[in-house]
Amino acid sequence: MKEFKEGIKQCFFTVVISIVAMLFFTYFLPTSPYKEYKGDAKNPNNVKTEMPLKLALNEEKPLFKVEKPDVFLYDYSMPGNYKYQVFLNKIEKGKVYLKMFDLVTNRILSEKEIKKESQMEVYNPTDELKEFGLSTRLTVKEGEWGDYYGSRVEVWFQPDDSTQPERKLITKNYIIQGN
């Protein structure tokens, strides 16, 4: 009988602790890590910036017309995580990767990680634009969730021919947040 009462006590305390934990995680923690961008990122030179595009839950990308080589950054899963796609024509075999810089300080962001995470093979000998998309995410470590700031995104190309120097292909400015 004593063991039965101990078992009942343990069940009761387990239920009480579970309810307290659920209440804590429901009411006292923020409901979302995302803060809406309010146009308050520092932009001292009034540089034209864009917001990263949104990926649907099934990762379906929005349709749009691309008429020249371009890069598109996508918000992915949580703040500071991004995916990108690049449209290129007349490009020899090689790899592209991103470099990202703070627009205000010109400091490079998460240099080694972004270069490694964003690398992908490309090749398109035709004049027609071809889409190259990234299946893994890249993470910007600098900054906090909800603290938006301007970033210069550069697409760099390293030819397979090691006698050729790497070169910058595309530059575009985005408002991003860190992780």
Protein backbone atom coordinates (compact mmCIF):
# COMPACT_ATOMS: atom_id res chain seq x y z
CA MET A 1 0.00 0.00 0.00
CA LYS A 2 2.88 2.34 0.79
CA GLU A 3 4.40 1.81 -2.68
CA PHE A 4 1.01 2.55 -4.26
CA LYS A 5 0.77 5.91 -2.42
CA GLU A 6 4.36 6.77 -3.51
CA GLY A 7 3.46 5.97 -7.12
CA ILE A 8 0.36 8.19 -6.94
CA LYS A 9 2.48 11.03 -5.45
CA GLN A 10 5.04 10.70 -8.23
CA CYS A 11 2.33 10.78 -10.91
CA PHE A 12 0.74 13.86 -9.29
CA PHE A 13 4.06 15.76 -9.13
CA THR A 14 4.89 14.76 -12.71
CA VAL A 15 1.56 16.17 -13.91
CA VAL A 16 2.02 19.39 -11.89
CA ILE A 17 5.59 19.91 -13.17
CA SER A 18 4.45 19.22 -16.75
CA ILE A 19 1.64 21.80 -16.48
CA VAL A 20 4.00 24.40 -15.01
CA ALA A 21 6.53 23.73 -17.81
CA MET A 22 3.83 24.03 -20.49
CA LEU A 23 2.59 27.31 -19.03
CA PHE A 24 6.14 28.66 -18.88
CA PHE A 25 6.92 27.78 -22.51
CA THR A 26 3.52 29.03 -23.68
CA TYR A 27 3.32 32.39 -21.93
CA PHE A 28 6.76 33.51 -20.83
CA LEU A 29 8.86 32.79 -23.90
CA PRO A 30 8.44 34.84 -27.11
CA THR A 31 5.93 33.42 -29.54
CA SER A 32 8.21 33.91 -32.55
CA PRO A 33 11.89 34.67 -33.09
CA TYR A 34 10.96 36.90 -36.01
CA LYS A 35 10.54 40.62 -35.59
CA GLU A 36 9.05 42.37 -38.54
CA TYR A 37 11.42 44.68 -40.41
CA LYS A 38 10.35 48.30 -39.92
CA GLY A 39 12.74 49.99 -42.35
CA ASP A 40 15.09 51.05 -39.56
CA ALA A 41 18.37 49.49 -40.75
CA LYS A 42 21.28 51.94 -40.92
CA ASN A 43 21.88 52.99 -44.52
CA PRO A 44 24.07 56.11 -44.44
CA ASN A 45 24.57 56.32 -48.21
CA ASN A 46 20.94 55.55 -49.13
CA VAL A 47 22.03 52.47 -51.04
CA LYS A 48 19.21 50.57 -52.76
CA THR A 49 18.50 47.41 -50.74
CA GLU A 50 16.08 44.52 -51.04
CA MET A 51 14.57 42.10 -48.55
CA PRO A 52 15.34 38.39 -48.98
CA LEU A 53 12.51 36.53 -50.67
CA LYS A 54 10.34 34.14 -48.67
CA LEU A 55 10.43 30.41 -49.29
CA ALA A 56 7.17 28.52 -48.98
CA LEU A 57 7.05 25.66 -46.46
CA ASN A 58 7.59 23.20 -49.30
CA GLU A 59 10.57 25.36 -50.40
CA GLU A 60 8.76 26.39 -53.57
CA LYS A 61 10.34 29.58 -54.88
CA PRO A 62 8.24 32.43 -56.28
CA LEU A 63 8.17 32.81 -60.05
CA PHE A 64 9.65 35.92 -61.63
CA LYS A 65 11.27 36.96 -64.88
CA VAL A 66 15.07 37.19 -64.91
CA GLU A 67 16.61 39.09 -67.83
CA LYS A 68 20.25 39.40 -66.77
CA PRO A 69 22.70 37.59 -64.48
CA ASP A 70 21.37 38.02 -60.95
CA VAL A 71 21.43 36.63 -57.42
CA PHE A 72 18.39 36.09 -55.16
CA LEU A 73 18.63 35.57 -51.42
CA TYR A 74 15.89 33.62 -49.59
CA ASP A 75 14.97 33.58 -45.89
CA TYR A 76 15.28 30.00 -44.72
CA SER A 77 13.87 28.30 -41.61
CA MET A 78 15.04 30.81 -38.95
CA PRO A 79 16.64 34.26 -38.73
CA GLY A 80 20.18 34.43 -40.05
CA ASN A 81 19.77 31.36 -42.26
CA TYR A 82 19.53 31.87 -45.99
CA LYS A 83 19.52 30.03 -49.29
CA TYR A 84 20.34 31.60 -52.62
CA GLN A 85 20.04 31.06 -56.32
CA VAL A 86 22.06 32.64 -59.06
CA PHE A 87 21.27 33.06 -62.75
CA LEU A 88 24.29 33.01 -65.10
CA ASN A 89 25.08 32.82 -68.79
CA LYS A 90 28.34 32.37 -70.69
CA ILE A 91 30.23 30.90 -67.74
CA GLU A 92 33.00 28.32 -67.97
CA LYS A 93 33.30 25.36 -65.59
CA GLY A 94 34.04 26.35 -62.04
CA LYS A 95 32.51 27.20 -58.68
CA VAL A 96 30.57 30.20 -57.45
CA TYR A 97 30.33 31.27 -53.83
CA LEU A 98 29.10 34.25 -51.85
CA LYS A 99 30.89 36.94 -49.90
CA MET A 100 28.72 39.11 -47.64
CA PHE A 101 29.68 42.48 -46.17
CA ASP A 102 28.10 44.84 -43.63
CA LEU A 103 26.96 47.90 -45.65
CA VAL A 104 27.91 50.39 -42.91
CA THR A 105 31.30 49.07 -41.78
CA ASN A 106 32.27 47.13 -44.94
CA ARG A 107 33.30 44.25 -42.66
CA ILE A 108 33.10 40.79 -44.23
CA LEU A 109 30.50 38.57 -42.55
CA SER A 110 31.16 34.96 -41.51
CA GLU A 111 33.80 34.77 -44.23
CA LYS A 112 34.98 31.15 -44.03
CA GLU A 113 31.59 29.67 -43.20
CA ILE A 114 29.67 31.49 -45.94
CA LYS A 115 32.30 30.70 -48.57
CA LYS A 116 32.21 27.02 -47.66
CA GLU A 117 28.42 26.77 -47.25
CA SER A 118 27.58 28.69 -50.44
CA GLN A 119 29.94 26.98 -52.91
CA MET A 120 28.38 25.28 -55.91
CA GLU A 121 29.51 23.99 -59.28
CA VAL A 122 28.44 25.98 -62.36
CA TYR A 123 28.80 25.68 -66.11
CA ASN A 124 26.77 27.32 -68.85
CA PRO A 125 28.41 27.96 -72.23
CA THR A 126 25.23 29.43 -73.79
CA ASP A 127 23.82 32.95 -73.91
CA GLU A 128 20.63 31.72 -72.24
CA LEU A 129 20.40 32.35 -68.50
CA LYS A 130 20.58 29.21 -66.40
CA GLU A 131 19.48 28.91 -62.77
CA PHE A 132 21.85 27.46 -60.20
CA GLY A 133 20.28 26.87 -56.79
CA LEU A 134 21.68 25.87 -53.46
CA SER A 135 20.20 22.98 -51.54
CA THR A 136 21.94 23.69 -48.20
CA ARG A 137 21.61 26.77 -46.05
CA LEU A 138 24.19 29.39 -45.23
CA THR A 139 24.28 31.15 -41.87
CA VAL A 140 25.21 34.72 -41.02
CA LYS A 141 26.54 34.64 -37.45
CA GLU A 142 26.91 38.40 -36.94
CA GLY A 143 23.90 40.10 -35.40
CA GLU A 144 20.85 39.01 -33.44
CA TRP A 145 17.39 37.86 -34.38
CA GLY A 146 15.30 40.90 -35.23
CA ASP A 147 18.28 43.27 -35.59
CA TYR A 148 18.20 44.04 -39.29
CA TYR A 149 21.09 45.61 -41.16
CA GLY A 150 22.24 46.23 -44.70
CA SER A 151 24.50 43.72 -46.40
CA ARG A 152 26.32 43.71 -49.72
CA VAL A 153 26.10 40.25 -51.29
CA GLU A 154 28.74 39.44 -53.88
CA VAL A 155 28.82 36.38 -56.13
CA TRP A 156 32.40 35.26 -56.83
CA PHE A 157 33.57 32.77 -59.45
CA GLN A 158 36.62 30.48 -59.27
CA PRO A 159 37.29 28.83 -62.65
CA ASP A 160 38.32 25.16 -62.74
CA ASP A 161 41.31 26.37 -64.79
CA SER A 162 43.70 27.28 -61.98
CA THR A 163 45.65 29.66 -64.24
CA GLN A 164 42.63 31.97 -64.32
CA PRO A 165 42.01 34.34 -61.38
CA GLU A 166 38.78 34.32 -59.41
CA ARG A 167 36.45 37.20 -60.23
CA LYS A 168 33.38 38.96 -58.91
CA LEU A 169 30.28 38.39 -61.06
CA ILE A 170 27.36 40.08 -59.30
CA THR A 171 26.76 42.50 -56.43
CA LYS A 172 23.40 43.12 -54.76
CA ASN A 173 22.36 44.70 -51.44
CA TYR A 174 19.99 43.02 -48.99
CA ILE A 175 18.58 43.73 -45.54
CA ILE A 176 19.49 40.74 -43.40
CA GLN A 177 19.63 39.68 -39.76
CA GLY A 178 22.10 37.50 -37.91
CA ASN A 179 21.71 34.22 -36.12
